[in-house]
Structure formats: C-alpha cells, structure tokens
Protein backbone atom coordinates (compact mmCIF):
# COMPACT_ATOMS: atom_id res chain seq x y z
CA UNK A 1 62.39 8.86 -81.32
CA UNK A 2 60.05 8.24 -78.08
CA UNK A 3 57.57 6.53 -80.65
CA UNK A 4 60.04 3.96 -82.25
CA UNK A 5 61.40 2.64 -79.03
CA UNK A 6 57.98 1.73 -77.77
CA UNK A 7 56.88 0.14 -80.62
CA UNK A 8 60.87 -1.83 -80.30
CA UNK A 9 59.67 -3.06 -76.44
CA UNK A 10 56.48 -4.01 -77.67
CA UNK A 11 57.73 -6.01 -80.46
CA UNK A 12 59.56 -7.62 -78.15
CA UNK A 13 57.36 -8.81 -75.87
CA UNK A 14 55.13 -9.95 -78.85
CA UNK A 15 58.43 -12.01 -80.01
CA UNK A 16 58.57 -12.97 -77.18
CA UNK A 17 55.42 -14.29 -76.21
CA UNK A 18 55.03 -16.08 -79.95
CA UNK A 19 58.41 -18.13 -79.23
CA UNK A 20 57.16 -19.23 -75.73
CA UNK A 21 53.46 -20.54 -76.93
CA UNK A 22 56.03 -22.25 -79.87
CA UNK A 23 58.16 -23.85 -77.81
CA UNK A 24 55.32 -24.60 -75.51
CA UNK A 25 53.60 -26.44 -78.01
CA UNK A 26 56.48 -28.48 -78.95
CA UNK A 27 57.40 -29.74 -75.86
CA UNK A 28 53.73 -30.19 -75.12
CA UNK A 29 52.37 -31.98 -78.84
CA UNK A 30 50.13 -33.82 -76.85
CA UNK A 31 48.03 -31.24 -75.55
CA UNK A 32 48.32 -29.94 -79.14
CA UNK A 33 47.45 -33.07 -80.76
CA UNK A 34 44.71 -33.67 -78.34
CA UNK A 35 42.62 -30.51 -78.75
CA UNK A 36 42.75 -31.56 -82.81
CA UNK A 37 41.11 -34.52 -82.82
CA UNK A 38 38.55 -33.46 -80.35
CA UNK A 39 37.74 -29.97 -82.73
CA UNK A 40 37.75 -33.12 -84.95
CA UNK A 41 35.25 -34.97 -83.77
CA UNK A 42 33.48 -31.55 -82.90
CA UNK A 43 34.47 -32.60 -79.00
CA UNK A 44 36.33 -29.27 -78.49
CA UNK A 45 35.19 -27.05 -75.86
CA UNK A 46 36.46 -24.21 -73.86
CA UNK A 47 36.34 -26.93 -70.70
CA UNK A 48 38.25 -28.98 -72.33
CA UNK A 49 41.08 -27.09 -73.04
CA UNK A 50 40.68 -25.08 -69.91
CA UNK A 51 40.62 -28.86 -67.93
CA UNK A 52 43.34 -29.88 -69.62
CA UNK A 53 45.81 -26.70 -69.28
CA UNK A 54 44.86 -26.58 -65.52
CA UNK A 55 47.11 -30.53 -65.06
CA UNK A 56 50.32 -27.89 -65.65
CA UNK A 57 48.90 -25.62 -62.25
CA UNK A 58 50.22 -22.51 -64.01
CA UNK A 59 50.95 -19.26 -61.71
CA UNK A 60 51.13 -21.70 -58.71
CA UNK A 61 53.63 -23.51 -57.34
CA UNK A 62 53.47 -27.28 -55.12
CA UNK A 63 53.02 -26.67 -51.31
CA UNK A 64 54.59 -29.91 -50.98
CA UNK A 65 58.71 -30.47 -50.02
CA UNK A 66 59.89 -34.29 -50.12
CA UNK A 67 61.47 -34.60 -46.71
CA UNK A 68 64.46 -35.84 -48.80
CA UNK A 69 65.52 -36.91 -52.52
CA UNK A 70 67.24 -38.93 -54.62
CA UNK A 71 68.00 -39.75 -58.73
CA UNK A 72 68.10 -42.75 -59.80
CA UNK A 73 71.55 -44.10 -61.66
CA UNK A 74 69.20 -46.50 -63.64
CA UNK A 75 66.71 -44.67 -65.30
CA UNK A 76 66.64 -41.03 -64.00
CA UNK A 77 63.68 -41.01 -62.01
CA UNK A 78 62.88 -38.89 -58.86
CA UNK A 79 62.47 -40.86 -55.28
CA UNK A 80 61.24 -39.38 -52.61
CA UNK A 81 62.15 -40.87 -48.99
CA UNK A 82 58.90 -41.78 -47.10
CA UNK A 83 59.80 -42.54 -43.22
CA UNK A 84 58.96 -44.58 -40.79
CA UNK A 85 56.03 -44.88 -38.52
CA UNK A 86 52.40 -45.57 -38.18
CA UNK A 87 49.45 -44.65 -40.30
CA UNK A 88 45.48 -45.22 -40.77
CA UNK A 89 45.30 -47.61 -43.47
CA UNK A 90 42.11 -48.32 -45.10
CA UNK A 91 38.16 -46.29 -44.36
CA UNK A 92 35.64 -46.57 -41.68
CA UNK A 93 33.02 -46.67 -44.45
CA UNK A 94 33.04 -50.19 -44.96
CA UNK A 95 29.67 -50.81 -45.90
CA UNK A 96 30.16 -49.18 -49.77
CA UNK A 97 34.62 -50.42 -48.91
CA UNK A 98 34.51 -53.73 -47.38
CA UNK A 99 37.17 -54.60 -48.63
CA UNK A 100 39.27 -51.98 -46.66
CA UNK A 101 38.25 -52.06 -43.37
CA UNK A 102 40.85 -48.90 -41.65
CA UNK A 103 43.23 -49.92 -38.92
CA UNK A 104 46.83 -49.05 -38.46
CA UNK A 105 50.22 -49.89 -39.89
CA UNK A 106 53.56 -49.72 -38.97
CA UNK A 107 56.33 -49.41 -41.95
CA UNK A 108 59.93 -48.86 -42.05
CA UNK A 109 61.27 -46.18 -44.14
CA UNK A 110 61.48 -46.66 -47.86
CA UNK A 111 61.95 -44.67 -51.10
CA UNK A 112 59.15 -44.63 -53.96
CA UNK A 113 59.16 -42.84 -56.89
CA UNK A 114 57.78 -39.97 -57.50
CA UNK A 115 55.95 -40.13 -60.71
CA UNK A 116 54.67 -43.30 -62.80
CA UNK A 117 58.03 -44.91 -64.70
CA UNK A 118 57.34 -43.18 -67.88
CA UNK A 119 57.73 -44.62 -71.41
CA UNK A 120 61.40 -42.95 -72.06
CA UNK A 121 62.19 -44.72 -68.62
CA UNK A 122 60.35 -48.38 -69.97
CA UNK A 123 62.12 -47.89 -73.77
CA UNK A 124 65.43 -47.52 -72.08
CA UNK A 125 64.79 -50.65 -70.60
CA UNK A 126 64.66 -52.74 -73.14
CA UNK A 127 67.35 -51.00 -75.06
CA UNK A 128 70.06 -52.23 -71.93
CA UNK A 129 68.30 -55.90 -72.13
CA UNK A 130 66.44 -56.04 -69.25
CA UNK A 131 63.07 -55.49 -69.65
CA UNK A 132 60.04 -57.06 -73.07
CA UNK A 133 58.27 -55.25 -74.99
CA UNK A 134 54.47 -53.92 -73.92
CA UNK A 135 51.69 -56.26 -75.71
CA UNK A 136 51.50 -54.89 -79.27
CA UNK A 137 47.88 -51.88 -77.94
CA UNK A 138 50.67 -49.72 -77.07
CA UNK A 139 51.07 -47.01 -79.43
CA UNK A 140 52.45 -44.85 -77.49
CA UNK A 141 55.75 -46.03 -75.42
CA UNK A 142 58.23 -46.02 -78.68
CA UNK A 143 57.14 -42.18 -79.29
CA UNK A 144 59.09 -38.81 -78.81
CA UNK A 145 55.80 -37.00 -78.26
CA UNK A 146 54.70 -39.77 -75.45
CA UNK A 147 57.84 -39.68 -73.95
CA UNK A 148 56.30 -39.35 -70.64
CA UNK A 149 53.35 -40.20 -70.85
CA UNK A 150 53.17 -43.34 -67.77
CA UNK A 151 54.11 -46.56 -69.20
CA UNK A 152 51.15 -48.70 -69.94
CA UNK A 153 49.66 -52.35 -71.47
CA UNK A 154 52.65 -54.10 -69.69
CA UNK A 155 51.52 -56.81 -66.85
CA UNK A 156 52.21 -57.56 -63.58
CA UNK A 157 55.19 -59.13 -64.74
CA UNK A 158 57.06 -56.43 -66.94
CA UNK A 159 56.14 -54.09 -63.87
CA UNK A 160 58.28 -56.18 -61.41
CA UNK A 161 60.67 -56.51 -64.21
CA UNK A 162 61.91 -53.12 -64.84
CA UNK A 163 61.81 -52.33 -61.14
CA UNK A 164 64.04 -54.92 -60.81
CA UNK A 165 66.28 -53.77 -63.21
CA UNK A 166 66.25 -50.65 -61.83
CA UNK A 167 67.31 -51.56 -58.89
CA UNK A 168 64.17 -51.28 -57.01
CA UNK A 169 60.83 -53.19 -56.93
CA UNK A 170 56.91 -52.86 -56.54
CA UNK A 171 55.67 -51.07 -53.49
CA UNK A 172 53.56 -53.09 -51.47
CA UNK A 173 50.08 -52.00 -50.69
CA UNK A 174 50.50 -50.81 -48.06
CA UNK A 175 53.81 -48.71 -49.25
CA UNK A 176 51.50 -47.43 -52.25
CA UNK A 177 48.90 -45.71 -49.74
CA UNK A 178 51.53 -44.49 -47.35
CA UNK A 179 53.24 -42.79 -49.99
CA UNK A 180 49.92 -41.36 -50.76
CA UNK A 181 48.17 -40.29 -48.13
CA UNK A 182 50.62 -39.81 -45.33
CA UNK A 183 49.68 -40.86 -41.42
CA UNK A 184 45.74 -39.24 -40.81
CA UNK A 185 44.19 -40.48 -43.03
CA UNK A 186 43.00 -38.62 -45.55
CA UNK A 187 41.00 -39.65 -48.46
CA UNK A 188 43.10 -38.24 -50.98
CA UNK A 189 46.82 -37.26 -51.80
CA UNK A 190 45.81 -33.35 -51.53
CA UNK A 191 43.85 -33.75 -48.31
CA UNK A 192 40.02 -34.18 -47.96
CA UNK A 193 38.87 -31.63 -50.67
CA UNK A 194 37.23 -33.51 -53.66
CA UNK A 195 39.37 -33.89 -56.80
CA UNK A 196 39.19 -30.62 -59.42
CA UNK A 197 41.51 -30.46 -62.68
CA UNK A 198 44.16 -28.60 -61.24
CA UNK A 199 44.66 -32.02 -58.94
CA UNK A 200 43.97 -35.14 -60.60
CA UNK A 201 43.18 -36.59 -63.53
CA UNK A 202 39.77 -38.63 -63.57
CA UNK A 203 36.27 -38.53 -65.86
CA UNK A 204 35.17 -35.11 -64.54
CA UNK A 205 38.49 -33.21 -66.67
CA UNK A 206 37.23 -34.58 -69.85
CA UNK A 207 41.02 -35.54 -71.04
CA UNK A 208 39.71 -38.97 -71.08
CA UNK A 209 43.30 -40.62 -71.34
CA UNK A 210 46.79 -40.58 -69.55
CA UNK A 211 48.80 -37.61 -68.95
CA UNK A 212 52.40 -36.96 -68.84
CA UNK A 213 53.33 -38.12 -65.33
CA UNK A 214 55.18 -35.31 -64.24
CA UNK A 215 51.52 -33.28 -64.05
CA UNK A 216 49.49 -32.27 -61.47
CA UNK A 217 52.14 -31.38 -59.24
CA UNK A 218 49.18 -29.71 -56.92
CA UNK A 219 47.76 -32.82 -56.09
CA UNK A 220 51.23 -34.30 -54.51
CA UNK A 221 50.98 -36.49 -51.64
CA UNK A 222 52.64 -35.01 -48.15
CA UNK A 223 55.63 -36.91 -49.29
CA UNK A 224 55.67 -35.32 -52.67
CA UNK A 225 54.29 -37.71 -54.85
CA UNK A 226 52.29 -37.35 -58.02
CA UNK A 227 49.29 -38.75 -59.64
CA UNK A 228 48.51 -41.18 -56.50
CA UNK A 229 45.09 -40.47 -57.59
CA UNK A 230 44.10 -40.66 -61.73
CA UNK A 231 45.34 -40.88 -64.37
CA UNK A 232 46.48 -44.42 -64.24
CA UNK A 233 45.98 -47.44 -61.92
CA UNK A 234 49.39 -48.74 -60.84
CA UNK A 235 49.99 -52.60 -60.21
CA UNK A 236 51.89 -53.01 -56.63
CA UNK A 237 53.72 -56.03 -54.81
CA UNK A 238 50.51 -57.54 -53.39
CA UNK A 239 48.33 -60.63 -54.26
CA UNK A 240 44.58 -59.20 -54.54
CA UNK A 241 42.30 -60.75 -51.05
CA UNK A 242 39.47 -58.56 -50.29
CA UNK A 243 39.87 -59.97 -46.68
CA UNK A 244 43.42 -59.30 -46.16
CA UNK A 245 43.08 -56.51 -43.70
CA UNK A 246 41.02 -58.59 -41.05
CA UNK A 247 44.70 -60.89 -40.99
CA UNK A 248 47.40 -58.85 -41.80
CA UNK A 249 50.31 -58.14 -39.77
CA UNK A 250 50.52 -54.64 -38.05
CA UNK A 251 54.46 -54.21 -39.05
CA UNK A 252 55.31 -54.11 -42.82
CA UNK A 253 52.61 -56.45 -44.60
CA UNK A 254 53.39 -57.60 -48.07
CA UNK A 255 49.78 -58.79 -49.11
CA UNK A 256 49.12 -62.66 -48.77
CA UNK A 257 51.56 -65.57 -49.68
CA UNK A 258 49.41 -66.48 -53.11
CA UNK A 259 46.10 -64.98 -54.92
CA UNK A 260 44.60 -65.47 -58.36
CA UNK A 261 45.24 -61.84 -59.39
CA UNK A 262 47.66 -58.95 -58.42
CA UNK A 263 46.23 -55.71 -56.29
CA UNK A 264 46.20 -52.57 -58.23
CA UNK A 265 45.94 -48.91 -56.71
CA UNK A 266 44.98 -45.37 -57.43
CA UNK A 267 42.74 -45.30 -60.04
CA UNK A 268 42.41 -43.77 -63.41
CA UNK A 269 41.07 -40.84 -65.86
CA UNK A 270 38.22 -43.28 -65.87
CA UNK A 271 37.08 -42.96 -62.41
CA UNK A 272 35.28 -40.67 -60.43
CA UNK A 273 36.24 -38.79 -57.88
CA UNK A 274 35.03 -41.40 -55.31
CA UNK A 275 36.74 -44.14 -57.28
CA UNK A 276 40.20 -42.80 -57.36
CA UNK A 277 40.74 -41.92 -53.26
CA UNK A 278 43.90 -43.61 -52.20
CA UNK A 279 41.62 -46.46 -49.84
CA UNK A 280 39.96 -47.55 -53.06
CA UNK A 281 41.43 -51.56 -53.30
CA UNK A 282 41.54 -52.58 -57.91
CA UNK A 283 42.14 -56.46 -58.57
CA UNK A 284 43.10 -57.96 -62.08
CA UNK A 285 44.90 -60.75 -63.35
CA UNK A 286 48.50 -60.78 -63.24
CA UNK A 287 48.65 -61.29 -67.37
CA UNK A 288 46.53 -58.89 -68.69
CA UNK A 289 47.81 -55.73 -69.62
CA UNK A 290 45.11 -52.11 -69.87
CA UNK A 291 45.26 -48.82 -71.12
CA UNK A 292 44.78 -47.39 -67.96
CA UNK A 293 47.09 -49.38 -66.27
CA UNK A 294 50.78 -48.68 -65.58
CA UNK A 295 53.25 -48.98 -62.15
CA UNK A 296 55.79 -47.19 -60.12
CA UNK A 297 58.09 -49.05 -57.91
CA UNK A 298 59.61 -48.55 -54.75
CA UNK A 299 62.95 -49.12 -52.94
CA UNK A 300 63.91 -50.26 -49.49
CA UNK A 301 66.24 -48.13 -47.10
CA UNK A 302 69.96 -49.12 -47.08
C-alpha cells in the first residue's frame, strides 16, 4: 500500500512538471519558435538556450520596488513614478561620447511606462482608430505569439500618435535618462556592473532579436523601469543636436526647437555592452521606421 502511494505521488509530481512545461511553452511560443529556427539553421547551442531562458530571471525577484505605480485606463500599461529633483545626465568621457558631456539637470515629477509599448497595446490603438498601421515590414504586431513584443517599425510620428491616444506623450531625453539611471550617474539601469544575460538583451546574449517587453526584471532601473538598456532603441520627444548639452537649460530641458533628426535612447539587441549604456545617444530620420526601434510613453504629474 505504501509503495502504491509513493508511485501515485511520483506520478502526480511528474504530471505537474509536464503540465508546467507545456503551459510555459504555449505562453512563450516565441522562445520555442526561436529554438526551432536555430535548430533548423544548425545554430542552436546550449549557451543560446541558457541566455534566452536567463531573460526570465527564474528563481529571482527584482530588488527594485517602484515608489508608486498606476495603470493606464487606455492600454493597461503600468506607469511608474519618478520624483522631482536633480540628477547627473551624460558622461565624463567626452573623448568617446562628445555629444554627452556630463551635467546636472533638474526635472519635475513625472510618470513613465514601465515597459516598452507592446504589439498588443498598439493593436488596441489601431482598432480604436487612434493609430495608423506600421510599415509592411512589421510581420509581428498582429500575431498572438508576439503580443508582448515591443512595437517596432513605427516612425517617430506614430510613436507620438500612440502616446497622445493613450493620454500620455513621448518622454524627453532628460526624462528618459533619469528614469533609466536614477540620480547618481550610473552607467546602466542596475548600476555600474557590466551587462550579462540576466540583465539585458544585447549582442552577447545571442538572441539577435527583440524579446517581450516584460523580460529582464533584474535589469530594472532604480524606479522599476524595464529594458532601458538593450532590446530596442526608443524614440523620445527631442530633436537631436550633438551640441545640445552645451546650451540646454538646467530645468526641464525639452531639446532643440528644430532639427533634422529625432533622438533615440537605450540601444538594442544588436549593440554591444558599451553601446547600451544609458548615456549613449542615438538619432535617426523621424520618418524612418526600423526593426530595432520602439518606444515608451511618459506623463506629466497633475
């Protein structure tokens, strides 16, 4: 009788494990497909599997608890609170990063999206008549498997259009950087430790594409914002000027009045660990969409 009970317990445990694996696989089919494609291309390795699974940070919880948070009624986005105050923007290494000299900036309180805007959120905006379709190169946004992927292949005006529909706006470069690094001038959202596969999606993870916006919780910023280094570059509100930091105001800078390119921040899955530092600035033509360009929104406190 005892032996029978033990076998019954083992069977239940085994079934529980199998059901858990099946549920995980269904809910995260993007990983399964990526493994299948890598196997078909003869590029699947143990390291690639390990790095992809590391994005979930199994067994560990993010040490960061947002000061405050709220849910946007328009799209369900979690917004986190960034208090007013001064922070260090830019970097002291002006020889390498001449467009980012370190300086002090004061910002009023604001809210910022905890994650990059996802395909599912953007599709909701399209169906509500508030957003236009992305360029035809985007084969992901209307597929359930990729529902939590960051919305890509949008031009700057489409990112702005979405944020306005959701009752928010694009963050300024200064707001984005403070939300990403806090007040002490750290190089990455999690501090000054070099990136690794548990913290960010960049070239060394070997994933070679964006992953869902909710991954890498251990890489969260001091305010609890995800994926501020790597995954996809993010459109921000400012026009880009490599000299802007030399004449920008101390309080609430909003970028140059005009320009030819718009700024992007954060780096992406194709950048190296130096290029995903939070002070690195990117720019692009505002009417050009891209495979590794997404966005998140911000909101002024009322």
